[in-house]
Every structure is written in structure tokens, then in C-alpha cells.
Amino acid sequence: MRKQYSKKSAFSHFVCLLSFCFTQQTVKTQVAFDAVCPDVNVVQNFDAQKYSGVWFEIESYPGMIDEFDICVSLNYTMQPDGNLQVTSSWFNISSKVHESIQGSVRLINPSLGAKLLVTFPTSPISQSMSTDGNFWLLETDYINYAIVFLCLPVRSNISFQYLSYLSRERFPFTAGLNFVHQRMESLGLDRTFLKPNSQINCPFN
């Protein structure tokens, strides 16, 4: 059984995943599962250089994107220290404003694979985030798609989960979308709550 919890808080795109936050907006809902966190593997030998560049958020669990925000994209750039800088951008159809925020991305520990810690200037970092990260890259081919996941246990049989499909293309082909859905299912992930993020009529590139 799955539940949805209402919550409102200020936050930054991609960071406060303990409350499932990604932008300085309002979280409408969170997806809670009456289940323990699934046993998942993350990408090994993560290549930050290959991962750099622009990704478009095609789908995600609700609560990550405000109902008025569309055209969410993430632009990663390599930094001299080997970490990544990320610029998260979106368009708010209510305020008619294009917004963005910059943050940093680093591996928690190379031996743990692609468990990443994404931080922004306004982001609180919990102890669990500093040891496990807040952005788990489960699968990517670096040139087409990426599957992002996070699971936070709340009690012995309850967990909050986040799932997102990122694409290099603003409008991936149906075959690509179907492929990613199949990969999610093969990883044991629940697609029930995936919500499309509109990339139509974006007023910026």
C-alpha cells in the first residue's frame, strides 16, 4: 500500500531529499511506501566527465516539482577539483519567471559507486545525507538516459522514495521512454506514481 503525505517547505532543486526537495518552491506531496527500502545497486566507476552536460527531467515521483513548474533541466559542468557544478533551471507558468539555482555535486565515497551528495547554498545536510548521499544514480548510459532514485527509511516498515527519469533529449522517443520504464521495472522500482514533467513550449533553450 502506498500513501501520500502533504507537506510544505522552502527548498532547492535537487537537495533536501529528506523532505524530497528539488527547488525553492513548495512541496505538494510526498510518496510513502508501506515497505522497507528496496535493495538497489548504483552505477559503479561513475564517470563525472561523461555525465556532465544537460539533462532534462522527463518524469518523477510527485513532490519534486511544483505544479506550476515546467521545463526542468539540469546542467552539469566539471570543476577543477573533479567534482561537478549543477545549474538547475525551470519555468514557473504562474509567475511567468525563468528560475535557476547553482549547486555542487560530489561522490560520497568512490567505493560506494554513484551515491552523490548534491548541495545548494540554502540546503541543510543531514547525517544520513553525508554518509549515503541524496542522489543515487542507479543506471545510465551517459548519452541517452539516467535513472535517479532515493529511499529513506522512516520506520521499520515505512519508507519515502523518489524516482526520476532524466534524458539528454527534451523530447525522447516513445521507444526510449518505454525502454527506461522496462529498466525501472527490472530494477524492482514502482512506476505507479511517476508524473510527466512538461517540456513543451519552454521559453528558453
N, C-alpha and C. Protein backbone atom coordinates (compact mmCIF):
# COMPACT_ATOMS: atom_id res chain seq x y z
N MET A 1 0.85 -1.19 0.00
CA MET A 1 0.00 0.00 0.00
C MET A 1 0.88 1.24 0.00
N ARG A 2 0.48 2.25 -0.75
CA ARG A 2 1.24 3.48 -0.81
C ARG A 2 0.38 4.63 -0.29
N LYS A 3 1.00 5.60 0.31
CA LYS A 3 0.30 6.76 0.85
C LYS A 3 0.96 8.00 0.29
N GLN A 4 0.24 9.12 0.36
CA GLN A 4 0.81 10.40 0.01
C GLN A 4 0.64 11.35 1.18
N TYR A 5 1.76 12.00 1.55
CA TYR A 5 1.77 12.91 2.68
C TYR A 5 1.90 14.34 2.18
N SER A 6 1.05 15.23 2.66
CA SER A 6 1.15 16.64 2.28
C SER A 6 2.17 17.33 3.17
N LYS A 7 2.94 18.23 2.57
CA LYS A 7 3.95 18.95 3.32
C LYS A 7 4.31 20.20 2.55
N LYS A 8 4.64 21.28 3.24
CA LYS A 8 5.08 22.49 2.58
C LYS A 8 6.37 22.97 3.23
N SER A 9 7.34 23.33 2.40
CA SER A 9 8.61 23.84 2.92
C SER A 9 9.36 24.51 1.80
N ALA A 10 10.32 25.37 2.16
CA ALA A 10 11.16 26.02 1.16
C ALA A 10 12.36 25.12 0.90
N PHE A 11 12.84 25.10 -0.33
CA PHE A 11 13.93 24.20 -0.65
C PHE A 11 14.58 24.53 -1.98
N SER A 12 15.63 23.75 -2.39
CA SER A 12 16.38 23.99 -3.60
C SER A 12 16.35 22.77 -4.51
N HIS A 13 16.28 23.02 -5.81
CA HIS A 13 16.22 21.93 -6.79
C HIS A 13 17.33 20.96 -6.50
N PHE A 14 17.00 19.72 -6.20
CA PHE A 14 17.89 18.60 -6.06
C PHE A 14 18.47 18.35 -4.72
N VAL A 15 18.01 18.94 -3.67
CA VAL A 15 18.81 18.77 -2.48
C VAL A 15 18.12 18.14 -1.31
N CYS A 16 17.16 18.74 -0.73
CA CYS A 16 16.68 18.31 0.57
C CYS A 16 15.83 17.07 0.42
N LEU A 17 16.44 15.97 0.01
CA LEU A 17 15.65 14.78 -0.29
C LEU A 17 15.11 14.10 0.97
N LEU A 18 15.56 14.52 2.14
CA LEU A 18 14.92 14.00 3.34
C LEU A 18 13.47 14.45 3.36
N SER A 19 13.21 15.63 2.82
CA SER A 19 11.84 16.13 2.65
C SER A 19 11.44 16.08 1.19
N PHE A 20 12.24 15.40 0.37
CA PHE A 20 12.04 15.31 -1.06
C PHE A 20 11.94 16.68 -1.70
N CYS A 21 13.04 17.43 -1.71
CA CYS A 21 13.04 18.76 -2.24
C CYS A 21 13.99 18.91 -3.40
N PHE A 22 13.56 19.68 -4.40
CA PHE A 22 14.45 19.94 -5.51
C PHE A 22 14.46 21.39 -5.94
N THR A 23 13.57 22.22 -5.51
CA THR A 23 13.60 23.61 -5.93
C THR A 23 13.21 24.52 -4.79
N GLN A 24 13.39 25.79 -4.98
CA GLN A 24 12.92 26.74 -3.97
C GLN A 24 11.45 27.00 -4.27
N GLN A 25 10.67 25.99 -4.01
CA GLN A 25 9.25 26.02 -4.29
C GLN A 25 8.53 25.36 -3.14
N THR A 26 7.32 24.89 -3.37
CA THR A 26 6.53 24.26 -2.32
C THR A 26 6.29 22.81 -2.67
N VAL A 27 6.62 21.92 -1.76
CA VAL A 27 6.35 20.51 -1.96
C VAL A 27 4.88 20.25 -1.70
N LYS A 28 4.18 19.72 -2.69
CA LYS A 28 2.75 19.45 -2.52
C LYS A 28 2.53 18.08 -1.88
N THR A 29 3.23 17.07 -2.35
CA THR A 29 3.03 15.72 -1.84
C THR A 29 4.35 14.98 -1.77
N GLN A 30 4.37 13.92 -1.00
CA GLN A 30 5.49 13.00 -0.96
C GLN A 30 4.92 11.60 -1.09
N VAL A 31 5.69 10.69 -1.67
CA VAL A 31 5.23 9.32 -1.82
C VAL A 31 5.83 8.47 -0.72
N ALA A 32 4.97 7.88 0.07
CA ALA A 32 5.40 6.98 1.13
C ALA A 32 4.96 5.57 0.79
N PHE A 33 5.82 4.61 1.09
CA PHE A 33 5.53 3.21 0.82
C PHE A 33 5.47 2.44 2.12
N ASP A 34 4.47 1.59 2.23
CA ASP A 34 4.39 0.68 3.37
C ASP A 34 5.31 -0.50 3.12
N ALA A 35 6.59 -0.19 3.04
CA ALA A 35 7.59 -1.21 2.73
C ALA A 35 8.96 -0.70 3.10
N VAL A 36 9.87 -1.61 3.30
CA VAL A 36 11.25 -1.21 3.55
C VAL A 36 11.87 -0.76 2.24
N CYS A 37 13.00 -0.10 2.30
CA CYS A 37 13.68 0.34 1.09
C CYS A 37 14.12 -0.88 0.27
N PRO A 38 13.91 -0.84 -1.04
CA PRO A 38 14.33 -1.96 -1.88
C PRO A 38 15.85 -2.03 -1.94
N ASP A 39 16.35 -3.22 -2.19
CA ASP A 39 17.79 -3.42 -2.34
C ASP A 39 18.18 -3.05 -3.76
N VAL A 40 18.84 -1.92 -3.93
CA VAL A 40 19.20 -1.45 -5.26
C VAL A 40 20.70 -1.25 -5.36
N ASN A 41 21.21 -1.34 -6.56
CA ASN A 41 22.61 -1.09 -6.84
C ASN A 41 22.75 0.22 -7.60
N VAL A 42 23.82 0.93 -7.34
CA VAL A 42 24.08 2.18 -8.06
C VAL A 42 25.18 1.94 -9.10
N VAL A 43 25.33 2.90 -10.00
CA VAL A 43 26.36 2.82 -11.03
C VAL A 43 27.74 2.76 -10.36
N GLN A 44 28.57 1.85 -10.84
CA GLN A 44 29.94 1.75 -10.35
C GLN A 44 30.87 2.48 -11.32
N ASN A 45 32.02 2.89 -10.81
CA ASN A 45 33.01 3.60 -11.64
C ASN A 45 32.37 4.80 -12.33
N PHE A 46 31.63 5.59 -11.55
CA PHE A 46 30.94 6.76 -12.08
C PHE A 46 31.92 7.70 -12.78
N ASP A 47 31.57 8.09 -14.00
CA ASP A 47 32.41 8.98 -14.81
C ASP A 47 31.76 10.36 -14.86
N ALA A 48 32.25 11.27 -14.03
CA ALA A 48 31.67 12.61 -13.94
C ALA A 48 31.78 13.36 -15.25
N GLN A 49 32.88 13.16 -15.97
CA GLN A 49 33.07 13.85 -17.24
C GLN A 49 32.01 13.44 -18.25
N LYS A 50 31.72 12.15 -18.33
CA LYS A 50 30.70 11.68 -19.25
C LYS A 50 29.30 12.13 -18.82
N TYR A 51 29.11 12.24 -17.51
CA TYR A 51 27.79 12.63 -17.01
C TYR A 51 27.54 14.12 -17.17
N SER A 52 28.58 14.91 -17.31
CA SER A 52 28.42 16.35 -17.42
C SER A 52 27.63 16.70 -18.68
N GLY A 53 27.08 17.91 -18.68
CA GLY A 53 26.23 18.35 -19.78
C GLY A 53 24.80 18.51 -19.31
N VAL A 54 23.89 18.67 -20.25
CA VAL A 54 22.49 18.97 -19.93
C VAL A 54 21.64 17.70 -19.87
N TRP A 55 20.82 17.62 -18.85
CA TRP A 55 19.81 16.57 -18.71
C TRP A 55 18.45 17.24 -18.52
N PHE A 56 17.42 16.62 -19.08
CA PHE A 56 16.05 17.11 -18.92
C PHE A 56 15.26 16.12 -18.07
N GLU A 57 14.52 16.65 -17.11
CA GLU A 57 13.70 15.76 -16.28
C GLU A 57 12.40 15.45 -17.02
N ILE A 58 12.21 14.20 -17.37
CA ILE A 58 11.05 13.76 -18.14
C ILE A 58 9.91 13.31 -17.23
N GLU A 59 10.25 12.56 -16.20
CA GLU A 59 9.25 12.07 -15.25
C GLU A 59 9.88 12.01 -13.86
N SER A 60 9.03 12.12 -12.85
CA SER A 60 9.49 11.90 -11.48
C SER A 60 8.29 11.62 -10.59
N TYR A 61 8.57 11.11 -9.39
CA TYR A 61 7.50 10.99 -8.41
C TYR A 61 7.02 12.40 -8.07
N PRO A 62 5.75 12.55 -7.68
CA PRO A 62 5.24 13.88 -7.31
C PRO A 62 5.94 14.38 -6.05
N GLY A 63 5.88 15.70 -5.90
CA GLY A 63 6.50 16.30 -4.73
C GLY A 63 7.85 16.88 -5.05
N MET A 64 8.45 16.51 -6.20
CA MET A 64 9.73 17.03 -6.58
C MET A 64 9.57 18.32 -7.38
N ILE A 65 8.44 18.49 -8.00
CA ILE A 65 8.23 19.64 -8.87
C ILE A 65 6.93 20.31 -8.47
N ASP A 66 6.95 21.61 -8.32
CA ASP A 66 5.74 22.34 -8.03
C ASP A 66 4.79 22.25 -9.21
N GLU A 67 3.50 22.31 -8.95
CA GLU A 67 2.52 22.15 -10.01
C GLU A 67 2.62 23.22 -11.09
N PHE A 68 3.25 24.35 -10.80
CA PHE A 68 3.38 25.42 -11.78
C PHE A 68 4.73 25.42 -12.51
N ASP A 69 5.58 24.47 -12.20
CA ASP A 69 6.92 24.47 -12.78
C ASP A 69 7.04 23.47 -13.91
N ILE A 70 7.56 23.93 -15.03
CA ILE A 70 7.76 23.08 -16.20
C ILE A 70 9.19 23.28 -16.70
N CYS A 71 9.54 22.49 -17.70
CA CYS A 71 10.83 22.67 -18.39
C CYS A 71 12.02 22.54 -17.44
N VAL A 72 11.96 21.58 -16.55
CA VAL A 72 13.07 21.38 -15.61
C VAL A 72 14.27 20.77 -16.33
N SER A 73 15.42 21.40 -16.16
CA SER A 73 16.65 20.88 -16.74
C SER A 73 17.78 21.03 -15.75
N LEU A 74 18.81 20.22 -15.94
CA LEU A 74 19.98 20.21 -15.07
C LEU A 74 21.23 20.25 -15.94
N ASN A 75 22.07 21.22 -15.71
CA ASN A 75 23.29 21.36 -16.50
C ASN A 75 24.50 21.15 -15.59
N TYR A 76 25.23 20.06 -15.83
CA TYR A 76 26.39 19.72 -15.01
C TYR A 76 27.67 20.12 -15.73
N THR A 77 28.57 20.75 -14.99
CA THR A 77 29.87 21.13 -15.56
C THR A 77 30.98 20.67 -14.63
N MET A 78 32.07 20.20 -15.23
CA MET A 78 33.22 19.74 -14.45
C MET A 78 33.93 20.91 -13.80
N GLN A 79 34.41 20.66 -12.58
CA GLN A 79 35.17 21.65 -11.84
C GLN A 79 36.63 21.19 -11.71
N PRO A 80 37.55 22.11 -11.45
CA PRO A 80 38.98 21.75 -11.35
C PRO A 80 39.27 20.67 -10.32
N ASP A 81 38.44 20.60 -9.26
CA ASP A 81 38.69 19.59 -8.22
C ASP A 81 38.11 18.22 -8.57
N GLY A 82 37.53 18.10 -9.76
CA GLY A 82 36.98 16.81 -10.18
C GLY A 82 35.52 16.62 -9.83
N ASN A 83 34.96 17.54 -9.03
CA ASN A 83 33.54 17.48 -8.73
C ASN A 83 32.74 18.17 -9.83
N LEU A 84 31.43 18.15 -9.68
CA LEU A 84 30.55 18.77 -10.67
C LEU A 84 29.83 19.98 -10.09
N GLN A 85 29.59 20.95 -10.92
CA GLN A 85 28.67 22.03 -10.58
C GLN A 85 27.38 21.78 -11.34
N VAL A 86 26.24 22.01 -10.69
CA VAL A 86 24.96 21.79 -11.35
C VAL A 86 24.16 23.08 -11.32
N THR A 87 23.57 23.42 -12.46
CA THR A 87 22.64 24.53 -12.55
C THR A 87 21.27 23.95 -12.87
N SER A 88 20.37 24.09 -11.94
CA SER A 88 19.01 23.59 -12.11
C SER A 88 18.14 24.75 -12.58
N SER A 89 17.38 24.53 -13.65
CA SER A 89 16.55 25.59 -14.23
C SER A 89 15.13 25.09 -14.44
N TRP A 90 14.17 26.01 -14.35
CA TRP A 90 12.78 25.67 -14.59
C TRP A 90 12.02 26.95 -14.90
N PHE A 91 10.82 26.79 -15.42
CA PHE A 91 9.96 27.94 -15.72
C PHE A 91 8.67 27.81 -14.94
N ASN A 92 8.33 28.87 -14.23
CA ASN A 92 7.10 28.88 -13.44
C ASN A 92 5.99 29.51 -14.26
N ILE A 93 4.99 28.72 -14.62
CA ILE A 93 3.94 29.21 -15.51
C ILE A 93 2.97 30.14 -14.80
N SER A 94 3.02 30.18 -13.46
CA SER A 94 2.18 31.10 -12.72
C SER A 94 2.80 32.49 -12.65
N SER A 95 4.08 32.54 -12.27
CA SER A 95 4.76 33.83 -12.16
C SER A 95 5.36 34.29 -13.48
N LYS A 96 5.40 33.35 -14.47
CA LYS A 96 6.00 33.63 -15.78
C LYS A 96 7.48 33.98 -15.65
N VAL A 97 8.15 33.36 -14.69
CA VAL A 97 9.55 33.64 -14.43
C VAL A 97 10.39 32.38 -14.67
N HIS A 98 11.52 32.58 -15.35
CA HIS A 98 12.51 31.52 -15.52
C HIS A 98 13.45 31.58 -14.33
N GLU A 99 13.50 30.50 -13.56
CA GLU A 99 14.31 30.48 -12.35
C GLU A 99 15.43 29.46 -12.48
N SER A 100 16.49 29.66 -11.71
CA SER A 100 17.59 28.71 -11.69
C SER A 100 18.37 28.86 -10.40
N ILE A 101 19.12 27.83 -10.07
CA ILE A 101 19.96 27.84 -8.88
C ILE A 101 21.16 26.95 -9.14
N GLN A 102 22.31 27.33 -8.58
CA GLN A 102 23.53 26.57 -8.77
C GLN A 102 23.89 25.82 -7.50
N GLY A 103 24.42 24.63 -7.69
CA GLY A 103 24.87 23.84 -6.56
C GLY A 103 26.09 23.02 -6.93
N SER A 104 26.52 22.19 -6.01
CA SER A 104 27.69 21.35 -6.25
C SER A 104 27.32 19.88 -6.06
N VAL A 105 28.07 19.02 -6.75
CA VAL A 105 27.80 17.58 -6.72
C VAL A 105 29.12 16.86 -6.49
N ARG A 106 29.13 15.93 -5.55
CA ARG A 106 30.34 15.15 -5.32
C ARG A 106 29.97 13.73 -4.91
N LEU A 107 30.88 12.82 -5.17
CA LEU A 107 30.72 11.44 -4.72
C LEU A 107 30.89 11.39 -3.20
N ILE A 108 30.03 10.62 -2.53
CA ILE A 108 30.21 10.41 -1.11
C ILE A 108 31.49 9.64 -0.85
N ASN A 109 31.66 8.57 -1.59
CA ASN A 109 32.85 7.72 -1.48
C ASN A 109 32.93 6.91 -2.76
N PRO A 110 34.02 7.00 -3.52
CA PRO A 110 34.12 6.24 -4.78
C PRO A 110 33.84 4.76 -4.62
N SER A 111 34.14 4.20 -3.45
CA SER A 111 33.91 2.78 -3.25
C SER A 111 32.43 2.44 -3.15
N LEU A 112 31.58 3.46 -2.91
CA LEU A 112 30.14 3.25 -2.82
C LEU A 112 29.45 3.40 -4.17
N GLY A 113 30.20 3.74 -5.21
CA GLY A 113 29.61 3.95 -6.51
C GLY A 113 28.94 5.31 -6.59
N ALA A 114 27.94 5.43 -7.47
CA ALA A 114 27.32 6.73 -7.76
C ALA A 114 26.27 7.12 -6.73
N LYS A 115 26.67 7.17 -5.47
CA LYS A 115 25.87 7.79 -4.43
C LYS A 115 26.41 9.20 -4.27
N LEU A 116 25.64 10.16 -4.74
CA LEU A 116 26.13 11.53 -4.83
C LEU A 116 25.49 12.42 -3.77
N LEU A 117 26.23 13.44 -3.37
CA LEU A 117 25.70 14.46 -2.48
C LEU A 117 25.57 15.75 -3.26
N VAL A 118 24.33 16.22 -3.41
CA VAL A 118 24.06 17.46 -4.12
C VAL A 118 23.72 18.53 -3.10
N THR A 119 24.45 19.63 -3.12
CA THR A 119 24.22 20.69 -2.13
C THR A 119 24.02 22.03 -2.82
N PHE A 120 23.19 22.86 -2.19
CA PHE A 120 22.95 24.21 -2.63
C PHE A 120 23.18 25.15 -1.46
N PRO A 121 23.35 26.44 -1.71
CA PRO A 121 23.64 27.38 -0.62
C PRO A 121 22.62 27.34 0.52
N THR A 122 21.37 27.03 0.22
CA THR A 122 20.33 27.04 1.25
C THR A 122 19.97 25.65 1.74
N SER A 123 20.79 24.65 1.41
CA SER A 123 20.42 23.27 1.70
C SER A 123 20.98 22.77 3.02
N PRO A 124 20.10 22.31 3.92
CA PRO A 124 20.59 21.64 5.12
C PRO A 124 21.04 20.23 4.76
N ILE A 125 22.11 19.77 5.38
CA ILE A 125 22.63 18.42 5.11
C ILE A 125 22.54 17.60 6.39
N SER A 126 21.78 16.53 6.31
CA SER A 126 21.62 15.66 7.47
C SER A 126 22.77 14.66 7.53
N GLN A 127 22.88 13.99 8.67
CA GLN A 127 23.93 12.98 8.83
C GLN A 127 23.78 11.86 7.81
N SER A 128 22.53 11.42 7.56
CA SER A 128 22.31 10.34 6.60
C SER A 128 22.73 10.75 5.20
N MET A 129 22.49 12.02 4.84
CA MET A 129 22.90 12.50 3.53
C MET A 129 24.42 12.51 3.39
N SER A 130 25.12 12.89 4.46
CA SER A 130 26.57 12.99 4.39
C SER A 130 27.23 11.63 4.28
N THR A 131 26.51 10.57 4.68
CA THR A 131 27.08 9.22 4.59
C THR A 131 26.53 8.41 3.43
N ASP A 132 25.29 8.69 3.02
CA ASP A 132 24.66 7.92 1.95
C ASP A 132 24.34 8.73 0.71
N GLY A 133 24.48 10.06 0.79
CA GLY A 133 24.14 10.90 -0.35
C GLY A 133 22.65 11.18 -0.42
N ASN A 134 22.26 12.01 -1.37
CA ASN A 134 20.85 12.32 -1.57
C ASN A 134 20.46 12.22 -3.04
N PHE A 135 21.30 11.57 -3.82
CA PHE A 135 21.07 11.42 -5.26
C PHE A 135 21.77 10.14 -5.69
N TRP A 136 20.99 9.06 -5.85
CA TRP A 136 21.57 7.77 -6.22
C TRP A 136 21.33 7.53 -7.71
N LEU A 137 22.40 7.41 -8.44
CA LEU A 137 22.30 7.14 -9.86
C LEU A 137 22.32 5.62 -10.06
N LEU A 138 21.13 5.07 -10.36
CA LEU A 138 21.01 3.62 -10.47
C LEU A 138 21.49 3.09 -11.81
N GLU A 139 21.25 3.88 -12.86
CA GLU A 139 21.61 3.38 -14.19
C GLU A 139 21.70 4.54 -15.17
N THR A 140 22.67 4.50 -16.04
CA THR A 140 22.80 5.49 -17.11
C THR A 140 23.72 4.94 -18.19
N ASP A 141 23.48 5.39 -19.43
CA ASP A 141 24.42 5.09 -20.50
C ASP A 141 25.20 6.36 -20.87
N TYR A 142 24.95 7.41 -20.11
CA TYR A 142 25.61 8.72 -20.22
C TYR A 142 25.20 9.51 -21.47
N ILE A 143 24.65 8.87 -22.46
CA ILE A 143 24.34 9.57 -23.72
C ILE A 143 22.84 9.66 -24.00
N ASN A 144 22.03 8.89 -23.27
CA ASN A 144 20.59 8.89 -23.53
C ASN A 144 19.75 9.08 -22.28
N TYR A 145 19.99 8.31 -21.25
CA TYR A 145 19.09 8.29 -20.11
C TYR A 145 19.85 8.11 -18.79
N ALA A 146 19.17 8.49 -17.73
CA ALA A 146 19.66 8.24 -16.37
C ALA A 146 18.46 7.98 -15.48
N ILE A 147 18.61 7.02 -14.59
CA ILE A 147 17.57 6.69 -13.62
C ILE A 147 18.08 7.06 -12.24
N VAL A 148 17.37 7.99 -11.59
CA VAL A 148 17.78 8.51 -10.28
C VAL A 148 16.78 8.02 -9.23
N PHE A 149 17.30 7.64 -8.09
CA PHE A 149 16.45 7.07 -7.04
C PHE A 149 16.99 7.48 -5.67
N LEU A 150 16.09 7.52 -4.71
CA LEU A 150 16.50 7.67 -3.32
C LEU A 150 15.42 7.05 -2.45
N CYS A 151 15.84 6.37 -1.41
CA CYS A 151 14.88 5.80 -0.46
C CYS A 151 15.36 6.11 0.95
N LEU A 152 14.45 6.64 1.75
CA LEU A 152 14.76 7.00 3.13
C LEU A 152 13.83 6.25 4.07
N PRO A 153 14.37 5.35 4.88
CA PRO A 153 13.52 4.63 5.83
C PRO A 153 13.00 5.57 6.91
N VAL A 154 11.72 5.45 7.22
CA VAL A 154 11.10 6.28 8.26
C VAL A 154 10.87 5.44 9.50
N ARG A 155 10.29 4.27 9.31
CA ARG A 155 10.11 3.30 10.38
C ARG A 155 10.50 1.94 9.83
N SER A 156 10.29 0.92 10.61
CA SER A 156 10.71 -0.42 10.19
C SER A 156 10.03 -0.89 8.93
N ASN A 157 8.80 -0.39 8.67
CA ASN A 157 8.06 -0.84 7.50
C ASN A 157 7.53 0.31 6.64
N ILE A 158 8.09 1.51 6.81
CA ILE A 158 7.67 2.66 6.02
C ILE A 158 8.89 3.37 5.46
N SER A 159 8.81 3.76 4.20
CA SER A 159 9.92 4.48 3.59
C SER A 159 9.39 5.54 2.63
N PHE A 160 10.13 6.63 2.51
CA PHE A 160 9.87 7.64 1.50
C PHE A 160 10.79 7.36 0.32
N GLN A 161 10.22 7.38 -0.90
CA GLN A 161 11.01 7.05 -2.07
C GLN A 161 10.85 8.12 -3.15
N TYR A 162 11.93 8.29 -3.89
CA TYR A 162 11.95 9.24 -5.00
C TYR A 162 12.52 8.53 -6.22
N LEU A 163 11.90 8.76 -7.37
CA LEU A 163 12.33 8.15 -8.62
C LEU A 163 12.21 9.17 -9.74
N SER A 164 13.22 9.24 -10.60
CA SER A 164 13.20 10.23 -11.68
C SER A 164 13.86 9.66 -12.93
N TYR A 165 13.34 10.05 -14.07
CA TYR A 165 13.90 9.69 -15.38
C TYR A 165 14.45 10.95 -16.00
N LEU A 166 15.75 10.98 -16.25
CA LEU A 166 16.42 12.10 -16.91
C LEU A 166 16.83 11.68 -18.31
N SER A 167 16.72 12.61 -19.24
CA SER A 167 17.05 12.32 -20.63
C SER A 167 17.94 13.42 -21.20
N ARG A 168 18.80 13.03 -22.13
CA ARG A 168 19.61 14.03 -22.83
C ARG A 168 18.76 14.83 -23.82
N GLU A 169 17.63 14.26 -24.21
CA GLU A 169 16.73 14.91 -25.16
C GLU A 169 15.53 15.49 -24.42
N ARG A 170 15.15 16.68 -24.81
CA ARG A 170 13.95 17.28 -24.19
C ARG A 170 12.71 16.46 -24.52
N PHE A 171 12.69 15.86 -25.71
CA PHE A 171 11.56 15.03 -26.13
C PHE A 171 12.07 13.67 -26.58
N PRO A 172 12.30 12.76 -25.65
CA PRO A 172 12.77 11.43 -26.02
C PRO A 172 11.72 10.67 -26.82
N PHE A 173 12.20 9.79 -27.70
CA PHE A 173 11.28 8.98 -28.49
C PHE A 173 10.50 8.04 -27.57
N THR A 174 9.32 7.64 -28.03
CA THR A 174 8.49 6.72 -27.25
C THR A 174 9.25 5.44 -26.93
N ALA A 175 10.03 4.97 -27.89
CA ALA A 175 10.81 3.75 -27.68
C ALA A 175 11.78 3.93 -26.52
N GLY A 176 12.38 5.12 -26.43
CA GLY A 176 13.30 5.40 -25.33
C GLY A 176 12.59 5.43 -24.00
N LEU A 177 11.41 6.03 -23.97
CA LEU A 177 10.62 6.09 -22.75
C LEU A 177 10.22 4.69 -22.30
N ASN A 178 9.78 3.88 -23.25
CA ASN A 178 9.39 2.51 -22.93
C ASN A 178 10.58 1.70 -22.41
N PHE A 179 11.74 1.94 -23.00
CA PHE A 179 12.95 1.23 -22.56
C PHE A 179 13.27 1.57 -21.11
N VAL A 180 13.21 2.85 -20.77
CA VAL A 180 13.51 3.26 -19.40
C VAL A 180 12.48 2.69 -18.43
N HIS A 181 11.22 2.67 -18.81
CA HIS A 181 10.19 2.07 -17.96
C HIS A 181 10.49 0.59 -17.72
N GLN A 182 10.91 -0.10 -18.76
CA GLN A 182 11.26 -1.51 -18.61
C GLN A 182 12.45 -1.69 -17.68
N ARG A 183 13.42 -0.79 -17.79
CA ARG A 183 14.59 -0.87 -16.93
C ARG A 183 14.19 -0.62 -15.47
N MET A 184 13.31 0.34 -15.24
CA MET A 184 12.84 0.60 -13.89
C MET A 184 12.17 -0.63 -13.30
N GLU A 185 11.33 -1.26 -14.09
CA GLU A 185 10.64 -2.45 -13.61
C GLU A 185 11.63 -3.58 -13.32
N SER A 186 12.64 -3.72 -14.17
CA SER A 186 13.63 -4.77 -13.95
C SER A 186 14.46 -4.51 -12.70
N LEU A 187 14.55 -3.25 -12.30
CA LEU A 187 15.26 -2.89 -11.08
C LEU A 187 14.37 -3.00 -9.84
N GLY A 188 13.11 -3.37 -10.06
CA GLY A 188 12.18 -3.54 -8.95
C GLY A 188 11.60 -2.24 -8.44
N LEU A 189 11.55 -1.22 -9.30
CA LEU A 189 11.05 0.10 -8.90
C LEU A 189 9.60 0.26 -9.32
N ASP A 190 8.83 0.97 -8.51
CA ASP A 190 7.40 1.16 -8.76
C ASP A 190 7.19 2.42 -9.59
N ARG A 191 6.62 2.26 -10.80
CA ARG A 191 6.38 3.40 -11.69
C ARG A 191 5.00 4.04 -11.48
N THR A 192 4.24 3.52 -10.56
CA THR A 192 2.85 3.94 -10.39
C THR A 192 2.70 5.45 -10.26
N PHE A 193 3.58 6.07 -9.48
CA PHE A 193 3.43 7.49 -9.18
C PHE A 193 4.25 8.42 -10.08
N LEU A 194 4.88 7.88 -11.09
CA LEU A 194 5.65 8.75 -11.98
C LEU A 194 4.74 9.79 -12.63
N LYS A 195 5.19 11.02 -12.58
CA LYS A 195 4.42 12.13 -13.14
C LYS A 195 5.24 12.81 -14.23
N PRO A 196 4.67 13.00 -15.44
CA PRO A 196 5.41 13.67 -16.52
C PRO A 196 5.75 15.11 -16.14
N ASN A 197 6.93 15.53 -16.52
CA ASN A 197 7.31 16.94 -16.38
C ASN A 197 7.25 17.56 -17.76
N SER A 198 6.37 18.53 -17.95
CA SER A 198 6.18 19.12 -19.27
C SER A 198 7.45 19.83 -19.75
N GLN A 199 7.83 19.52 -20.98
CA GLN A 199 8.94 20.19 -21.64
C GLN A 199 8.45 20.93 -22.89
N ILE A 200 7.15 21.16 -22.96
CA ILE A 200 6.54 21.78 -24.14
C ILE A 200 6.50 23.30 -23.98
N ASN A 201 6.77 23.99 -25.09
CA ASN A 201 6.70 25.46 -25.13
C ASN A 201 7.59 26.12 -24.09
N CYS A 202 8.77 25.58 -23.90
CA CYS A 202 9.71 26.19 -22.97
C CYS A 202 10.21 27.51 -23.53
N PRO A 203 10.15 28.59 -22.74
CA PRO A 203 10.51 29.92 -23.25
C PRO A 203 12.00 30.19 -23.25
N PHE A 204 12.81 29.14 -23.08
CA PHE A 204 14.27 29.31 -23.10
C PHE A 204 14.86 28.00 -23.59
N ASN A 205 16.12 28.02 -23.99
CA ASN A 205 16.77 26.82 -24.52
C ASN A 205 17.24 25.93 -23.38
